[in-house]
Amino acid sequence: MSVKVPYDQLSSEALEGLITQFVSRDGSDSGNVDAAFERKVESVKSQLKSGNALILYDPKTQSFNIVSKNDPVIKDLSL
């Protein structure tokens, strides 16, 4: 079962690394990759701060993921 991790409980370095890794999974099809990547990173940060996205930790796989608060997987968790 996944556990919600408050973004503000992570160090700024850990949060930046987590967001960067998450955004990197998505890739970019824009011609200006650096700018598109930075916009995506800032967008994810904003969504975490506003509560529209959540950080989940899965102790079984020892992995983190960022999901939308509207993601159906959230409904299955008691967060």
PDB file of N, CA and C in Angstrom:
ATOM      1  N   MET A   1       0.838  -1.177   0.000  1.00  0.00           N
ATOM      2  CA  MET A   1       0.000   0.000   0.000  1.00  0.00           C
ATOM      3  C   MET A   1       0.882   1.240   0.000  1.00  0.00           C
ATOM      4  N   SER A   2       0.568   2.182  -0.853  1.00  0.00           N
ATOM      5  CA  SER A   2       1.341   3.420  -0.961  1.00  0.00           C
ATOM      6  C   SER A   2       1.028   4.360   0.194  1.00  0.00           C
ATOM      7  N   VAL A   3       2.010   5.188   0.500  1.00  0.00           N
ATOM      8  CA  VAL A   3       1.910   6.155   1.583  1.00  0.00           C
ATOM      9  C   VAL A   3       2.104   7.551   1.000  1.00  0.00           C
ATOM     10  N   LYS A   4       1.250   8.481   1.387  1.00  0.00           N
ATOM     11  CA  LYS A   4       1.379   9.870   0.930  1.00  0.00           C
ATOM     12  C   LYS A   4       2.568  10.510   1.644  1.00  0.00           C
ATOM     13  N   VAL A   5       3.396  11.211   0.888  1.00  0.00           N
ATOM     14  CA  VAL A   5       4.554  11.915   1.435  1.00  0.00           C
ATOM     15  C   VAL A   5       4.344  13.411   1.194  1.00  0.00           C
ATOM     16  N   PRO A   6       4.203  14.201   2.256  1.00  0.00           N
ATOM     17  CA  PRO A   6       4.039  15.643   2.066  1.00  0.00           C
ATOM     18  C   PRO A   6       5.285  16.222   1.391  1.00  0.00           C
ATOM     19  N   TYR A   7       5.079  16.966   0.315  1.00  0.00           N
ATOM     20  CA  TYR A   7       6.211  17.512  -0.435  1.00  0.00           C
ATOM     21  C   TYR A   7       7.096  18.395   0.438  1.00  0.00           C
ATOM     22  N   ASP A   8       6.491  19.092   1.412  1.00  0.00           N
ATOM     23  CA  ASP A   8       7.266  20.017   2.238  1.00  0.00           C
ATOM     24  C   ASP A   8       8.067  19.316   3.336  1.00  0.00           C
ATOM     25  N   GLN A   9       7.953  17.989   3.410  1.00  0.00           N
ATOM     26  CA  GLN A   9       8.750  17.222   4.356  1.00  0.00           C
ATOM     27  C   GLN A   9      10.054  16.728   3.733  1.00  0.00           C
ATOM     28  N   LEU A  10      10.188  16.927   2.410  1.00  0.00           N
ATOM     29  CA  LEU A  10      11.407  16.542   1.712  1.00  0.00           C
ATOM     30  C   LEU A  10      12.358  17.736   1.658  1.00  0.00           C
ATOM     31  N   SER A  11      13.655  17.439   1.644  1.00  0.00           N
ATOM     32  CA  SER A  11      14.616  18.520   1.448  1.00  0.00           C
ATOM     33  C   SER A  11      14.424  19.079   0.047  1.00  0.00           C
ATOM     34  N   SER A  12      14.865  20.303  -0.172  1.00  0.00           N
ATOM     35  CA  SER A  12      14.708  20.899  -1.505  1.00  0.00           C
ATOM     36  C   SER A  12      15.453  20.084  -2.554  1.00  0.00           C
ATOM     37  N   GLU A  13      16.592  19.503  -2.183  1.00  0.00           N
ATOM     38  CA  GLU A  13      17.355  18.680  -3.122  1.00  0.00           C
ATOM     39  C   GLU A  13      16.601  17.400  -3.467  1.00  0.00           C
ATOM     40  N   ALA A  14      16.024  16.766  -2.457  1.00  0.00           N
ATOM     41  CA  ALA A  14      15.274  15.527  -2.690  1.00  0.00           C
ATOM     42  C   ALA A  14      14.039  15.797  -3.541  1.00  0.00           C
ATOM     43  N   LEU A  15      13.337  16.884  -3.251  1.00  0.00           N
ATOM     44  CA  LEU A  15      12.147  17.234  -4.014  1.00  0.00           C
ATOM     45  C   LEU A  15      12.519  17.525  -5.463  1.00  0.00           C
ATOM     46  N   GLU A  16      13.560  18.313  -5.659  1.00  0.00           N
ATOM     47  CA  GLU A  16      14.005  18.646  -7.016  1.00  0.00           C
ATOM     48  C   GLU A  16      14.384  17.371  -7.780  1.00  0.00           C
ATOM     49  N   GLY A  17      15.100  16.470  -7.117  1.00  0.00           N
ATOM     50  CA  GLY A  17      15.498  15.221  -7.756  1.00  0.00           C
ATOM     51  C   GLY A  17      14.307  14.353  -8.120  1.00  0.00           C
ATOM     52  N   LEU A  18      13.345  14.277  -7.224  1.00  0.00           N
ATOM     53  CA  LEU A  18      12.143  13.485  -7.474  1.00  0.00           C
ATOM     54  C   LEU A  18      11.347  14.052  -8.646  1.00  0.00           C
ATOM     55  N   ILE A  19      11.157  15.361  -8.652  1.00  0.00           N
ATOM     56  CA  ILE A  19      10.404  15.999  -9.737  1.00  0.00           C
ATOM     57  C   ILE A  19      11.153  15.851 -11.059  1.00  0.00           C
ATOM     58  N   THR A  20      12.454  16.067 -11.048  1.00  0.00           N
ATOM     59  CA  THR A  20      13.258  15.946 -12.265  1.00  0.00           C
ATOM     60  C   THR A  20      13.175  14.532 -12.825  1.00  0.00           C
ATOM     61  N   GLN A  21      13.272  13.543 -11.951  1.00  0.00           N
ATOM     62  CA  GLN A  21      13.183  12.147 -12.387  1.00  0.00           C
ATOM     63  C   GLN A  21      11.799  11.856 -12.948  1.00  0.00           C
ATOM     64  N   PHE A  22      10.766  12.372 -12.313  1.00  0.00           N
ATOM     65  CA  PHE A  22       9.398  12.172 -12.771  1.00  0.00           C
ATOM     66  C   PHE A  22       9.188  12.805 -14.147  1.00  0.00           C
ATOM     67  N   VAL A  23       9.616  14.039 -14.312  1.00  0.00           N
ATOM     68  CA  VAL A  23       9.448  14.742 -15.592  1.00  0.00           C
ATOM     69  C   VAL A  23      10.282  14.065 -16.683  1.00  0.00           C
ATOM     70  N   SER A  24      11.443  13.563 -16.331  1.00  0.00           N
ATOM     71  CA  SER A  24      12.314  12.894 -17.309  1.00  0.00           C
ATOM     72  C   SER A  24      11.667  11.648 -17.896  1.00  0.00           C
ATOM     73  N   ARG A  25      10.836  10.981 -17.120  1.00  0.00           N
ATOM     74  CA  ARG A  25      10.140   9.785 -17.615  1.00  0.00           C
ATOM     75  C   ARG A  25       9.221  10.118 -18.774  1.00  0.00           C
ATOM     76  N   ASP A  26       8.662  11.327 -18.732  1.00  0.00           N
ATOM     77  CA  ASP A  26       7.695  11.758 -19.738  1.00  0.00           C
ATOM     78  C   ASP A  26       8.358  12.128 -21.052  1.00  0.00           C
ATOM     79  N   GLY A  27       9.588  12.608 -21.002  1.00  0.00           N
ATOM     80  CA  GLY A  27      10.272  13.037 -22.219  1.00  0.00           C
ATOM     81  C   GLY A  27       9.719  14.354 -22.711  1.00  0.00           C
ATOM     82  N   SER A  28      10.205  14.796 -23.850  1.00  0.00           N
ATOM     83  CA  SER A  28       9.731  16.054 -24.430  1.00  0.00           C
ATOM     84  C   SER A  28       9.795  15.960 -25.933  1.00  0.00           C
ATOM     85  N   ASP A  29       8.728  16.402 -26.583  1.00  0.00           N
ATOM     86  CA  ASP A  29       8.716  16.382 -28.040  1.00  0.00           C
ATOM     87  C   ASP A  29       8.861  17.795 -28.601  1.00  0.00           C
ATOM     88  N   SER A  30       9.199  18.726 -27.739  1.00  0.00           N
ATOM     89  CA  SER A  30       9.350  20.122 -28.160  1.00  0.00           C
ATOM     90  C   SER A  30      10.743  20.334 -28.749  1.00  0.00           C
ATOM     91  N   GLY A  31      10.855  21.307 -29.637  1.00  0.00           N
ATOM     92  CA  GLY A  31      12.148  21.639 -30.200  1.00  0.00           C
ATOM     93  C   GLY A  31      13.072  22.256 -29.167  1.00  0.00           C
ATOM     94  N   ASN A  32      12.519  23.014 -28.228  1.00  0.00           N
ATOM     95  CA  ASN A  32      13.308  23.647 -27.180  1.00  0.00           C
ATOM     96  C   ASN A  32      13.187  22.808 -25.912  1.00  0.00           C
ATOM     97  N   VAL A  33      13.981  21.753 -25.850  1.00  0.00           N
ATOM     98  CA  VAL A  33      13.852  20.751 -24.792  1.00  0.00           C
ATOM     99  C   VAL A  33      14.106  21.340 -23.415  1.00  0.00           C
ATOM    100  N   ASP A  34      15.155  22.148 -23.249  1.00  0.00           N
ATOM    101  CA  ASP A  34      15.479  22.690 -21.935  1.00  0.00           C
ATOM    102  C   ASP A  34      14.350  23.549 -21.377  1.00  0.00           C
ATOM    103  N   ALA A  35      13.807  24.431 -22.195  1.00  0.00           N
ATOM    104  CA  ALA A  35      12.722  25.300 -21.748  1.00  0.00           C
ATOM    105  C   ALA A  35      11.472  24.487 -21.439  1.00  0.00           C
ATOM    106  N   ALA A  36      11.154  23.517 -22.281  1.00  0.00           N
ATOM    107  CA  ALA A  36       9.975  22.679 -22.053  1.00  0.00           C
ATOM    108  C   ALA A  36      10.143  21.873 -20.769  1.00  0.00           C
ATOM    109  N   PHE A  37      11.331  21.351 -20.555  1.00  0.00           N
ATOM    110  CA  PHE A  37      11.611  20.559 -19.360  1.00  0.00           C
ATOM    111  C   PHE A  37      11.459  21.419 -18.110  1.00  0.00           C
ATOM    112  N   GLU A  38      12.035  22.613 -18.119  1.00  0.00           N
ATOM    113  CA  GLU A  38      11.935  23.501 -16.965  1.00  0.00           C
ATOM    114  C   GLU A  38      10.490  23.907 -16.692  1.00  0.00           C
ATOM    115  N   ARG A  39       9.712  24.139 -17.738  1.00  0.00           N
ATOM    116  CA  ARG A  39       8.285  24.464 -17.554  1.00  0.00           C
ATOM    117  C   ARG A  39       7.554  23.295 -16.909  1.00  0.00           C
ATOM    118  N   LYS A  40       7.874  22.084 -17.330  1.00  0.00           N
ATOM    119  CA  LYS A  40       7.225  20.906 -16.738  1.00  0.00           C
ATOM    120  C   LYS A  40       7.599  20.756 -15.273  1.00  0.00           C
ATOM    121  N   VAL A  41       8.882  20.974 -14.945  1.00  0.00           N
ATOM    122  CA  VAL A  41       9.329  20.893 -13.551  1.00  0.00           C
ATOM    123  C   VAL A  41       8.579  21.918 -12.708  1.00  0.00           C
ATOM    124  N   GLU A  42       8.494  23.144 -13.188  1.00  0.00           N
ATOM    125  CA  GLU A  42       7.792  24.195 -12.448  1.00  0.00           C
ATOM    126  C   GLU A  42       6.300  23.887 -12.321  1.00  0.00           C
ATOM    127  N   SER A  43       5.720  23.308 -13.356  1.00  0.00           N
ATOM    128  CA  SER A  43       4.311  22.929 -13.316  1.00  0.00           C
ATOM    129  C   SER A  43       4.055  21.870 -12.248  1.00  0.00           C
ATOM    130  N   VAL A  44       4.924  20.869 -12.172  1.00  0.00           N
ATOM    131  CA  VAL A  44       4.762  19.808 -11.163  1.00  0.00           C
ATOM    132  C   VAL A  44       4.923  20.399  -9.765  1.00  0.00           C
ATOM    133  N   LYS A  45       5.918  21.264  -9.572  1.00  0.00           N
ATOM    134  CA  LYS A  45       6.095  21.914  -8.263  1.00  0.00           C
ATOM    135  C   LYS A  45       4.834  22.669  -7.869  1.00  0.00           C
ATOM    136  N   SER A  46       4.287  23.418  -8.807  1.00  0.00           N
ATOM    137  CA  SER A  46       3.079  24.192  -8.547  1.00  0.00           C
ATOM    138  C   SER A  46       1.904  23.287  -8.181  1.00  0.00           C
ATOM    139  N   GLN A  47       1.774  22.178  -8.884  1.00  0.00           N
ATOM    140  CA  GLN A  47       0.676  21.245  -8.598  1.00  0.00           C
ATOM    141  C   GLN A  47       0.828  20.606  -7.222  1.00  0.00           C
ATOM    142  N   LEU A  48       2.066  20.306  -6.827  1.00  0.00           N
ATOM    143  CA  LEU A  48       2.296  19.749  -5.493  1.00  0.00           C
ATOM    144  C   LEU A  48       1.939  20.772  -4.416  1.00  0.00           C
ATOM    145  N   LYS A  49       2.369  22.011  -4.621  1.00  0.00           N
ATOM    146  CA  LYS A  49       2.103  23.063  -3.636  1.00  0.00           C
ATOM    147  C   LYS A  49       0.619  23.369  -3.512  1.00  0.00           C
ATOM    148  N   SER A  50      -0.116  23.282  -4.616  1.00  0.00           N
ATOM    149  CA  SER A  50      -1.546  23.585  -4.585  1.00  0.00           C
ATOM    150  C   SER A  50      -2.388  22.395  -4.126  1.00  0.00           C
ATOM    151  N   GLY A  51      -1.770  21.232  -4.018  1.00  0.00           N
ATOM    152  CA  GLY A  51      -2.514  20.039  -3.613  1.00  0.00           C
ATOM    153  C   GLY A  51      -3.157  19.302  -4.771  1.00  0.00           C
ATOM    154  N   ASN A  52      -2.897  19.745  -5.998  1.00  0.00           N
ATOM    155  CA  ASN A  52      -3.456  19.075  -7.166  1.00  0.00           C
ATOM    156  C   ASN A  52      -2.667  17.830  -7.577  1.00  0.00           C
ATOM    157  N   ALA A  53      -1.500  17.643  -6.969  1.00  0.00           N
ATOM    158  CA  ALA A  53      -0.691  16.445  -7.198  1.00  0.00           C
ATOM    159  C   ALA A  53      -0.166  15.977  -5.844  1.00  0.00           C
ATOM    160  N   LEU A  54       0.123  14.696  -5.756  1.00  0.00           N
ATOM    161  CA  LEU A  54       0.598  14.099  -4.509  1.00  0.00           C
ATOM    162  C   LEU A  54       1.829  13.250  -4.778  1.00  0.00           C
ATOM    163  N   ILE A  55       2.683  13.141  -3.769  1.00  0.00           N
ATOM    164  CA  ILE A  55       3.820  12.233  -3.837  1.00  0.00           C
ATOM    165  C   ILE A  55       3.422  10.978  -3.067  1.00  0.00           C
ATOM    166  N   LEU A  56       3.574   9.842  -3.717  1.00  0.00           N
ATOM    167  CA  LEU A  56       3.284   8.564  -3.080  1.00  0.00           C
ATOM    168  C   LEU A  56       4.557   7.729  -3.003  1.00  0.00           C
ATOM    169  N   TYR A  57       4.724   7.037  -1.884  1.00  0.00           N
ATOM    170  CA  TYR A  57       5.851   6.128  -1.703  1.00  0.00           C
ATOM    171  C   TYR A  57       5.294   4.718  -1.561  1.00  0.00           C
ATOM    172  N   ASP A  58       5.854   3.797  -2.335  1.00  0.00           N
ATOM    173  CA  ASP A  58       5.459   2.389  -2.259  1.00  0.00           C
ATOM    174  C   ASP A  58       6.568   1.632  -1.538  1.00  0.00           C
ATOM    175  N   PRO A  59       6.338   1.262  -0.263  1.00  0.00           N
ATOM    176  CA  PRO A  59       7.381   0.581   0.494  1.00  0.00           C
ATOM    177  C   PRO A  59       7.756  -0.791  -0.083  1.00  0.00           C
ATOM    178  N   LYS A  60       6.822  -1.419  -0.767  1.00  0.00           N
ATOM    179  CA  LYS A  60       7.101  -2.743  -1.351  1.00  0.00           C
ATOM    180  C   LYS A  60       8.171  -2.641  -2.440  1.00  0.00           C
ATOM    181  N   THR A  61       8.045  -1.624  -3.302  1.00  0.00           N
ATOM    182  CA  THR A  61       9.011  -1.452  -4.389  1.00  0.00           C
ATOM    183  C   THR A  61      10.069  -0.407  -4.040  1.00  0.00           C
ATOM    184  N   GLN A  62       9.907   0.248  -2.889  1.00  0.00           N
ATOM    185  CA  GLN A  62      10.790   1.315  -2.439  1.00  0.00           C
ATOM    186  C   GLN A  62      10.940   2.388  -3.518  1.00  0.00           C
ATOM    187  N   SER A  63       9.793   2.798  -4.068  1.00  0.00           N
ATOM    188  CA  SER A  63       9.810   3.796  -5.132  1.00  0.00           C
ATOM    189  C   SER A  63       8.795   4.896  -4.840  1.00  0.00           C
ATOM    190  N   PHE A  64       9.076   6.053  -5.431  1.00  0.00           N
ATOM    191  CA  PHE A  64       8.202   7.211  -5.313  1.00  0.00           C
ATOM    192  C   PHE A  64       7.524   7.459  -6.643  1.00  0.00           C
ATOM    193  N   ASN A  65       6.346   8.066  -6.584  1.00  0.00           N
ATOM    194  CA  ASN A  65       5.666   8.490  -7.794  1.00  0.00           C
ATOM    195  C   ASN A  65       4.883   9.759  -7.476  1.00  0.00           C
ATOM    196  N   ILE A  66       4.656  10.554  -8.495  1.00  0.00           N
ATOM    197  CA  ILE A  66       3.841  11.759  -8.369  1.00  0.00           C
ATOM    198  C   ILE A  66       2.578  11.512  -9.176  1.00  0.00           C
ATOM    199  N   VAL A  67       1.434  11.718  -8.541  1.00  0.00           N
ATOM    200  CA  VAL A  67       0.164  11.462  -9.209  1.00  0.00           C
ATOM    201  C   VAL A  67      -0.778  12.644  -9.006  1.00  0.00           C
ATOM    202  N   SER A  68      -1.699  12.799  -9.937  1.00  0.00           N
ATOM    203  CA  SER A  68      -2.736  13.805  -9.811  1.00  0.00           C
ATOM    204  C   SER A  68      -3.672  13.409  -8.681  1.00  0.00           C
ATOM    205  N   LYS A  69      -4.196  14.387  -7.967  1.00  0.00           N
ATOM    206  CA  LYS A  69      -5.144  14.062  -6.895  1.00  0.00           C
ATOM    207  C   LYS A  69      -6.421  13.438  -7.459  1.00  0.00           C
ATOM    208  N   ASN A  70      -6.640  13.597  -8.768  1.00  0.00           N
ATOM    209  CA  ASN A  70      -7.811  13.017  -9.418  1.00  0.00           C
ATOM    210  C   ASN A  70      -7.532  11.640 -10.021  1.00  0.00           C
ATOM    211  N   ASP A  71      -6.311  11.142  -9.862  1.00  0.00           N
ATOM    212  CA  ASP A  71      -5.942   9.836 -10.404  1.00  0.00           C
ATOM    213  C   ASP A  71      -6.789   8.758  -9.724  1.00  0.00           C
ATOM    214  N   PRO A  72      -7.352   7.841 -10.507  1.00  0.00           N
ATOM    215  CA  PRO A  72      -8.190   6.778  -9.914  1.00  0.00           C
ATOM    216  C   PRO A  72      -7.453   5.939  -8.861  1.00  0.00           C
ATOM    217  N   VAL A  73      -6.128   5.829  -8.949  1.00  0.00           N
ATOM    218  CA  VAL A  73      -5.398   5.038  -7.964  1.00  0.00           C
ATOM    219  C   VAL A  73      -5.533   5.628  -6.556  1.00  0.00           C
ATOM    220  N   ILE A  74      -5.742   6.934  -6.469  1.00  0.00           N
ATOM    221  CA  ILE A  74      -5.901   7.592  -5.158  1.00  0.00           C
ATOM    222  C   ILE A  74      -7.179   7.117  -4.466  1.00  0.00           C
ATOM    223  N   LYS A  75      -8.206   6.860  -5.239  1.00  0.00           N
ATOM    224  CA  LYS A  75      -9.481   6.415  -4.654  1.00  0.00           C
ATOM    225  C   LYS A  75      -9.349   5.082  -3.938  1.00  0.00           C
ATOM    226  N   ASP A  76      -8.375   4.271  -4.363  1.00  0.00           N
ATOM    227  CA  ASP A  76      -8.177   2.957  -3.763  1.00  0.00           C
ATOM    228  C   ASP A  76      -7.342   3.023  -2.484  1.00  0.00           C
ATOM    229  N   LEU A  77      -6.773   4.172  -2.201  1.00  0.00           N
ATOM    230  CA  LEU A  77      -5.930   4.352  -1.024  1.00  0.00           C
ATOM    231  C   LEU A  77      -6.678   5.120   0.042  1.00  0.00           C
ATOM    232  N   SER A  78      -6.351   4.853   1.261  1.00  0.00           N
ATOM    233  CA  SER A  78      -6.960   5.620   2.352  1.00  0.00           C
ATOM    234  C   SER A  78      -5.989   6.705   2.762  1.00  0.00           C
ATOM    235  N   LEU A  79      -5.957   7.801   1.989  1.00  0.00           N
ATOM    236  CA  LEU A  79      -5.009   8.892   2.241  1.00  0.00           C
ATOM    237  C   LEU A  79      -5.696  10.012   2.984  1.00  0.00           C
TER     238      LEU A  79
END
